[in-house]
Structures are given as C-alpha cells and as structure tokens.
C-alpha cells in the first residue's frame, strides 16, 4: 500500500471511529450550512490511525472533530473548507484554546484538535466555524464528559 493509499485508509478509519461515537457527536443546522462534531478519547484511535494523522494516543487526551457541510439543492450535504477555532472550558472554568488543523482527503474536509481532560470531567466546547466565502460565523456550544479507559 503506497503512502497516499495509507493516508486515505487511515482518514476513512478515523472518520468511522468518530462517527461510531454517536453519544459523543452532534450537529447544528444553520440553514444552508450544518456543523457536525464528535468528541472521543484519543485512546479509542488505533495506533496506526493516530500516528498517520499526527495525533497522540494517551489517557487524558481527547480529540474533537468538526466538519462544515453545505446543503445542496437536492438536500444532500457536501463538505466545505473554511476556518474553525474554539476553546474548551472544564468544570472549574479553566479555559484551553483549541488548535484546529485542517485535514482534507479527496472531497472530505475535517478540522481536528486535541485537548487535555480528567476522567469524568464535564468539558464545555465553544466553537466558531466559518465556511470559505461565507460572511457569517457559525457558533456552536456543547458540553461533553469523557472517561479514561
């Protein structure tokens, strides 16, 4: 398997892992755009998937994945690029800024960031996505608790 095929394979696996965590996923509709998110412990990633995507597998490190989708005239969704920024706040109001990086493979576009957490700690995410060419920010806010395995 060549490097490009391995990257494509690992990104597909990464997305499947994110998608499989339905209890840690959600989306918000903004009319023509929809922002999808998922959160999981980095230890849920297979070692080869984490390595291929530059992610650290460790207890206490979570991964957040954001995708910006645009609704087409036929109702289907198409991933779009843009910018994503945000912060996460723990239950004692300590704020950590998230360093999102863009991953693109074919038509798929994802924004991924890592953050530190303590097991059973409620984390509140405040994320702002801006699709390429859009004039408005798409703010999302949600809370989630991860548990170390």
C-alpha atoms as a PDB file:
ATOM      1  CA  UNK A   1       0.000   0.000   0.000  1.00  0.00           C
ATOM      2  CA  UNK A   2       1.542   3.351  -1.014  1.00  0.00           C
ATOM      3  CA  UNK A   3       1.643   6.390   1.277  1.00  0.00           C
ATOM      4  CA  UNK A   4      -1.342   8.105  -0.344  1.00  0.00           C
ATOM      5  CA  UNK A   5      -3.479   4.980  -0.068  1.00  0.00           C
ATOM      6  CA  UNK A   6      -2.431   4.526   3.561  1.00  0.00           C
ATOM      7  CA  UNK A   7      -3.392   8.136   4.349  1.00  0.00           C
ATOM      8  CA  UNK A   8      -6.768   7.734   2.652  1.00  0.00           C
ATOM      9  CA  UNK A   9      -7.356   4.464   4.526  1.00  0.00           C
ATOM     10  CA  UNK A  10      -6.423   5.987   7.886  1.00  0.00           C
ATOM     11  CA  UNK A  11      -8.617   9.031   7.341  1.00  0.00           C
ATOM     12  CA  UNK A  12     -11.568   6.815   6.500  1.00  0.00           C
ATOM     13  CA  UNK A  13     -10.892   4.784   9.634  1.00  0.00           C
ATOM     14  CA  UNK A  14     -10.544   7.963  11.668  1.00  0.00           C
ATOM     15  CA  UNK A  15     -13.889   9.264  10.421  1.00  0.00           C
ATOM     16  CA  UNK A  16     -15.548   5.906  11.119  1.00  0.00           C
ATOM     17  CA  UNK A  17     -14.241   5.976  14.684  1.00  0.00           C
ATOM     18  CA  UNK A  18     -15.630   9.486  15.123  1.00  0.00           C
ATOM     19  CA  UNK A  19     -18.956   8.564  13.554  1.00  0.00           C
ATOM     20  CA  UNK A  20     -19.260   5.423  15.696  1.00  0.00           C
ATOM     21  CA  UNK A  21     -19.205   7.519  18.858  1.00  0.00           C
ATOM     22  CA  UNK A  22     -22.830   8.624  18.440  1.00  0.00           C
ATOM     23  CA  UNK A  23     -23.177   9.528  22.115  1.00  0.00           C
ATOM     24  CA  UNK A  24     -20.281  11.973  21.657  1.00  0.00           C
ATOM     25  CA  UNK A  25     -21.485  13.503  18.404  1.00  0.00           C
ATOM     26  CA  UNK A  26     -23.943  16.088  17.230  1.00  0.00           C
ATOM     27  CA  UNK A  27     -24.727  18.723  14.657  1.00  0.00           C
ATOM     28  CA  UNK A  28     -26.312  22.143  14.399  1.00  0.00           C
ATOM     29  CA  UNK A  29     -28.239  23.441  11.405  1.00  0.00           C
ATOM     30  CA  UNK A  30     -27.582  26.996  10.152  1.00  0.00           C
ATOM     31  CA  UNK A  31     -29.837  26.959   7.090  1.00  0.00           C
ATOM     32  CA  UNK A  32     -27.603  26.290   4.099  1.00  0.00           C
ATOM     33  CA  UNK A  33     -24.787  25.062   6.388  1.00  0.00           C
ATOM     34  CA  UNK A  34     -24.624  22.358   9.041  1.00  0.00           C
ATOM     35  CA  UNK A  35     -21.761  21.891  11.507  1.00  0.00           C
ATOM     36  CA  UNK A  36     -21.084  18.338  12.692  1.00  0.00           C
ATOM     37  CA  UNK A  37     -18.913  17.484  15.684  1.00  0.00           C
ATOM     38  CA  UNK A  38     -17.668  14.457  17.523  1.00  0.00           C
ATOM     39  CA  UNK A  39     -15.504  14.018  20.624  1.00  0.00           C
ATOM     40  CA  UNK A  40     -13.662  10.928  21.832  1.00  0.00           C
ATOM     41  CA  UNK A  41     -10.720   9.840  23.953  1.00  0.00           C
ATOM     42  CA  UNK A  42      -7.559   9.565  21.852  1.00  0.00           C
ATOM     43  CA  UNK A  43      -7.106   6.015  23.152  1.00  0.00           C
ATOM     44  CA  UNK A  44     -10.094   4.980  21.004  1.00  0.00           C
ATOM     45  CA  UNK A  45      -7.964   5.545  17.902  1.00  0.00           C
ATOM     46  CA  UNK A  46      -5.967   2.641  16.536  1.00  0.00           C
ATOM     47  CA  UNK A  47      -2.228   3.334  16.965  1.00  0.00           C
ATOM     48  CA  UNK A  48      -1.623   3.380  13.202  1.00  0.00           C
ATOM     49  CA  UNK A  49      -4.515   5.816  12.625  1.00  0.00           C
ATOM     50  CA  UNK A  50      -3.259   8.166  15.347  1.00  0.00           C
ATOM     51  CA  UNK A  51       0.306   8.019  14.040  1.00  0.00           C
ATOM     52  CA  UNK A  52      -0.681   8.583  10.406  1.00  0.00           C
ATOM     53  CA  UNK A  53      -2.640  11.687  11.431  1.00  0.00           C
ATOM     54  CA  UNK A  54      -0.165  13.105  13.938  1.00  0.00           C
ATOM     55  CA  UNK A  55      -2.424  12.502  16.931  1.00  0.00           C
ATOM     56  CA  UNK A  56      -1.194  11.474  20.364  1.00  0.00           C
ATOM     57  CA  UNK A  57      -2.835   8.442  21.992  1.00  0.00           C
ATOM     58  CA  UNK A  58      -2.879   8.914  25.741  1.00  0.00           C
ATOM     59  CA  UNK A  59      -5.250   8.760  28.686  1.00  0.00           C
ATOM     60  CA  UNK A  60      -6.382  12.275  29.388  1.00  0.00           C
ATOM     61  CA  UNK A  61      -6.153  13.475  25.776  1.00  0.00           C
ATOM     62  CA  UNK A  62      -9.382  13.950  23.870  1.00  0.00           C
ATOM     63  CA  UNK A  63      -9.902  14.582  20.175  1.00  0.00           C
ATOM     64  CA  UNK A  64     -12.570  16.851  18.721  1.00  0.00           C
ATOM     65  CA  UNK A  65     -13.538  16.619  15.061  1.00  0.00           C
ATOM     66  CA  UNK A  66     -15.519  19.338  13.262  1.00  0.00           C
ATOM     67  CA  UNK A  67     -16.951  19.143   9.735  1.00  0.00           C
ATOM     68  CA  UNK A  68     -18.698  22.003   7.934  1.00  0.00           C
ATOM     69  CA  UNK A  69     -21.301  20.815   5.449  1.00  0.00           C
ATOM     70  CA  UNK A  70     -23.280  22.783   2.858  1.00  0.00           C
ATOM     71  CA  UNK A  71     -26.746  21.689   1.841  1.00  0.00           C
ATOM     72  CA  UNK A  72     -27.217  21.256  -1.902  1.00  0.00           C
ATOM     73  CA  UNK A  73     -30.445  21.972  -3.775  1.00  0.00           C
ATOM     74  CA  UNK A  74     -31.288  18.254  -3.735  1.00  0.00           C
ATOM     75  CA  UNK A  75     -30.887  18.074   0.063  1.00  0.00           C
ATOM     76  CA  UNK A  76     -27.563  16.255   0.051  1.00  0.00           C
ATOM     77  CA  UNK A  77     -24.642  17.608   2.061  1.00  0.00           C
ATOM     78  CA  UNK A  78     -21.208  18.498   0.686  1.00  0.00           C
ATOM     79  CA  UNK A  79     -18.163  19.120   2.907  1.00  0.00           C
ATOM     80  CA  UNK A  80     -16.691  22.606   2.626  1.00  0.00           C
ATOM     81  CA  UNK A  81     -13.460  24.197   3.760  1.00  0.00           C
ATOM     82  CA  UNK A  82     -13.123  27.189   5.988  1.00  0.00           C
ATOM     83  CA  UNK A  83     -11.745  28.009   9.384  1.00  0.00           C
ATOM     84  CA  UNK A  84     -12.513  26.579  12.803  1.00  0.00           C
ATOM     85  CA  UNK A  85     -11.424  27.967  16.131  1.00  0.00           C
ATOM     86  CA  UNK A  86     -12.558  27.471  19.659  1.00  0.00           C
ATOM     87  CA  UNK A  87     -11.928  26.800  23.274  1.00  0.00           C
ATOM     88  CA  UNK A  88     -12.862  24.231  25.870  1.00  0.00           C
ATOM     89  CA  UNK A  89     -13.654  25.007  29.486  1.00  0.00           C
ATOM     90  CA  UNK A  90     -13.582  22.486  32.324  1.00  0.00           C
ATOM     91  CA  UNK A  91     -15.957  22.356  35.274  1.00  0.00           C
ATOM     92  CA  UNK A  92     -13.805  24.765  37.334  1.00  0.00           C
ATOM     93  CA  UNK A  93     -13.783  27.310  34.492  1.00  0.00           C
ATOM     94  CA  UNK A  94     -10.211  26.727  33.287  1.00  0.00           C
ATOM     95  CA  UNK A  95     -10.086  27.659  29.592  1.00  0.00           C
ATOM     96  CA  UNK A  96      -7.924  25.920  26.990  1.00  0.00           C
ATOM     97  CA  UNK A  97      -7.768  27.171  23.420  1.00  0.00           C
ATOM     98  CA  UNK A  98      -8.064  24.517  20.725  1.00  0.00           C
ATOM     99  CA  UNK A  99      -5.538  24.398  17.877  1.00  0.00           C
ATOM    100  CA  UNK A 100      -7.561  23.001  14.989  1.00  0.00           C
ATOM    101  CA  UNK A 101      -5.812  21.681  11.940  1.00  0.00           C
ATOM    102  CA  UNK A 102      -7.427  21.014   8.617  1.00  0.00           C
ATOM    103  CA  UNK A 103      -7.359  17.532   7.121  1.00  0.00           C
ATOM    104  CA  UNK A 104      -8.501  17.057   3.541  1.00  0.00           C
ATOM    105  CA  UNK A 105      -8.699  13.823   1.628  1.00  0.00           C
ATOM    106  CA  UNK A 106     -10.483  13.976  -1.679  1.00  0.00           C
ATOM    107  CA  UNK A 107     -13.757  15.819  -1.084  1.00  0.00           C
ATOM    108  CA  UNK A 108     -13.718  15.198   2.682  1.00  0.00           C
ATOM    109  CA  UNK A 109     -12.632  18.114   4.916  1.00  0.00           C
ATOM    110  CA  UNK A 110     -12.245  17.823   8.698  1.00  0.00           C
ATOM    111  CA  UNK A 111     -10.894  20.083  11.420  1.00  0.00           C
ATOM    112  CA  UNK A 112      -9.284  18.204  14.305  1.00  0.00           C
ATOM    113  CA  UNK A 113      -7.876  19.368  17.635  1.00  0.00           C
ATOM    114  CA  UNK A 114      -6.581  17.639  20.744  1.00  0.00           C
ATOM    115  CA  UNK A 115      -7.218  18.745  24.329  1.00  0.00           C
ATOM    116  CA  UNK A 116      -6.452  17.522  27.845  1.00  0.00           C
ATOM    117  CA  UNK A 117      -9.134  16.336  30.240  1.00  0.00           C
ATOM    118  CA  UNK A 118      -9.539  14.468  33.513  1.00  0.00           C
ATOM    119  CA  UNK A 119     -11.762  11.399  33.559  1.00  0.00           C
ATOM    120  CA  UNK A 120     -15.429  12.250  34.254  1.00  0.00           C
ATOM    121  CA  UNK A 121     -14.737  15.989  33.895  1.00  0.00           C
ATOM    122  CA  UNK A 122     -17.514  17.969  32.206  1.00  0.00           C
ATOM    123  CA  UNK A 123     -15.999  19.935  29.321  1.00  0.00           C
ATOM    124  CA  UNK A 124     -17.859  22.773  27.583  1.00  0.00           C
ATOM    125  CA  UNK A 125     -16.868  23.488  23.979  1.00  0.00           C
ATOM    126  CA  UNK A 126     -17.348  26.883  22.341  1.00  0.00           C
ATOM    127  CA  UNK A 127     -16.527  26.551  18.656  1.00  0.00           C
ATOM    128  CA  UNK A 128     -16.787  29.004  15.780  1.00  0.00           C
ATOM    129  CA  UNK A 129     -16.756  27.716  12.217  1.00  0.00           C
ATOM    130  CA  UNK A 130     -16.635  29.954   9.153  1.00  0.00           C
ATOM    131  CA  UNK A 131     -17.151  28.304   5.782  1.00  0.00           C
ATOM    132  CA  UNK A 132     -14.970  29.537   2.925  1.00  0.00           C
ATOM    133  CA  UNK A 133     -16.655  32.515   1.288  1.00  0.00           C
ATOM    134  CA  UNK A 134     -19.313  32.900   3.981  1.00  0.00           C
ATOM    135  CA  UNK A 135     -19.854  36.216   5.735  1.00  0.00           C
ATOM    136  CA  UNK A 136     -21.241  34.787   8.953  1.00  0.00           C
ATOM    137  CA  UNK A 137     -19.701  32.747  11.736  1.00  0.00           C
ATOM    138  CA  UNK A 138     -21.402  29.506  12.741  1.00  0.00           C
ATOM    139  CA  UNK A 139     -21.159  29.271  16.553  1.00  0.00           C
ATOM    140  CA  UNK A 140     -21.755  26.002  18.368  1.00  0.00           C
ATOM    141  CA  UNK A 141     -21.679  25.272  22.072  1.00  0.00           C
ATOM    142  CA  UNK A 142     -21.999  21.873  23.674  1.00  0.00           C
ATOM    143  CA  UNK A 143     -20.839  20.026  26.764  1.00  0.00           C
ATOM    144  CA  UNK A 144     -19.459  16.515  26.996  1.00  0.00           C
ATOM    145  CA  UNK A 145     -17.844  14.232  29.553  1.00  0.00           C
ATOM    146  CA  UNK A 146     -15.172  11.691  28.624  1.00  0.00           C
ATOM    147  CA  UNK A 147     -13.979   8.810  30.762  1.00  0.00           C
ATOM    148  CA  UNK A 148     -10.477   7.376  30.646  1.00  0.00           C
ATOM    149  CA  UNK A 149     -10.383   3.699  29.741  1.00  0.00           C
END
